[in-house]
Amino acid sequence: MGSFSIWHWLIVLLIVVMVFGTKKLKNLGGDLGGAVKGFKDGMKEGGSSDAKPEDKPAAQVAGAPAEKTTIDVEAKTKS
């Protein structure tokens, strides 16, 4: 009673196909596969530790002055 048999899963699959249709499910599968592939490619690029020193931005190079990115603003209350 606690687990589902193969017949339960087939009925659920049949209902899902009837509700969404095969074309929409095919598009969903393609989109999901593309997202997983993009994630894996991003992980490979982000994990490479063979970055050359000339690839670093100027603010990260030792001795280079850091760029000031703080913006001072004055907050006013609505009355």
Protein backbone atom coordinates (compact mmCIF):
# COMPACT_ATOMS: atom_id res chain seq x y z
CA MET A 1 0.00 0.00 0.00
CA GLY A 2 2.96 2.33 0.55
CA SER A 3 4.57 1.98 -2.88
CA PHE A 4 3.20 2.39 -6.38
CA SER A 5 3.24 -0.42 -8.90
CA ILE A 6 4.12 -0.05 -12.59
CA TRP A 7 0.41 0.20 -13.41
CA HIS A 8 -0.01 3.24 -11.19
CA TRP A 9 2.90 4.99 -12.94
CA LEU A 10 1.53 4.12 -16.40
CA ILE A 11 -1.86 5.58 -15.51
CA VAL A 12 -0.22 8.77 -14.19
CA LEU A 13 1.87 9.03 -17.37
CA LEU A 14 -1.24 8.56 -19.53
CA ILE A 15 -3.09 11.32 -17.65
CA VAL A 16 -0.12 13.70 -17.96
CA VAL A 17 0.11 13.07 -21.72
CA MET A 18 -3.62 13.62 -22.09
CA VAL A 19 -3.54 16.89 -20.13
CA PHE A 20 -0.41 18.47 -21.64
CA GLY A 21 -0.14 16.78 -25.01
CA THR A 22 2.94 15.23 -26.57
CA LYS A 23 4.13 18.38 -28.34
CA LYS A 24 4.25 20.44 -25.16
CA LEU A 25 5.99 17.62 -23.27
CA LYS A 26 8.56 17.28 -26.09
CA ASN A 27 9.30 21.01 -25.94
CA LEU A 28 9.59 20.84 -22.16
CA GLY A 29 12.05 17.95 -22.41
CA GLY A 30 14.17 19.82 -24.95
CA ASP A 31 14.23 22.97 -22.83
CA LEU A 32 15.17 20.99 -19.74
CA GLY A 33 17.96 19.19 -21.60
CA GLY A 34 19.33 22.50 -22.91
CA ALA A 35 19.29 23.99 -19.42
CA VAL A 36 21.16 21.01 -17.97
CA LYS A 37 23.75 21.17 -20.79
CA GLY A 38 24.23 24.90 -20.22
CA PHE A 39 24.66 24.34 -16.49
CA LYS A 40 27.27 21.64 -17.06
CA ASP A 41 29.18 23.86 -19.51
CA GLY A 42 29.08 26.71 -17.01
CA MET A 43 30.43 24.48 -14.27
CA LYS A 44 33.30 23.36 -16.50
CA GLU A 45 34.21 26.96 -17.39
CA GLY A 46 33.91 28.20 -13.82
CA GLY A 47 35.97 25.36 -12.39
CA SER A 48 39.03 25.85 -14.59
CA SER A 49 41.91 27.20 -12.52
CA ASP A 50 44.27 27.86 -15.43
CA ALA A 51 43.39 31.58 -15.70
CA LYS A 52 46.23 33.74 -16.94
CA PRO A 53 47.26 36.88 -15.03
CA GLU A 54 46.40 39.09 -18.03
CA ASP A 55 42.80 37.82 -17.83
CA LYS A 56 42.23 39.51 -14.45
CA PRO A 57 40.53 42.91 -14.29
CA ALA A 58 42.74 45.87 -13.39
CA ALA A 59 41.19 46.23 -9.91
CA GLN A 60 42.32 42.73 -8.97
CA VAL A 61 45.93 43.12 -10.07
CA ALA A 62 48.30 43.73 -7.14
CA GLY A 63 49.27 47.38 -6.79
CA ALA A 64 46.50 48.73 -9.02
CA PRO A 65 44.15 51.26 -7.40
CA ALA A 66 40.63 49.99 -6.85
CA GLU A 67 37.85 51.77 -8.71
CA LYS A 68 35.48 53.71 -6.46
CA THR A 69 31.97 52.33 -6.91
CA THR A 70 30.22 53.85 -3.88
CA ILE A 71 27.51 56.39 -4.65
CA ASP A 72 26.52 58.85 -1.94
CA VAL A 73 22.84 59.75 -1.96
CA GLU A 74 20.61 61.64 0.38
CA ALA A 75 17.37 59.92 1.30
CA LYS A 76 14.32 62.13 1.70
CA THR A 77 11.13 61.15 3.46
CA LYS A 78 7.76 61.57 1.84
CA SER A 79 5.49 64.00 3.59
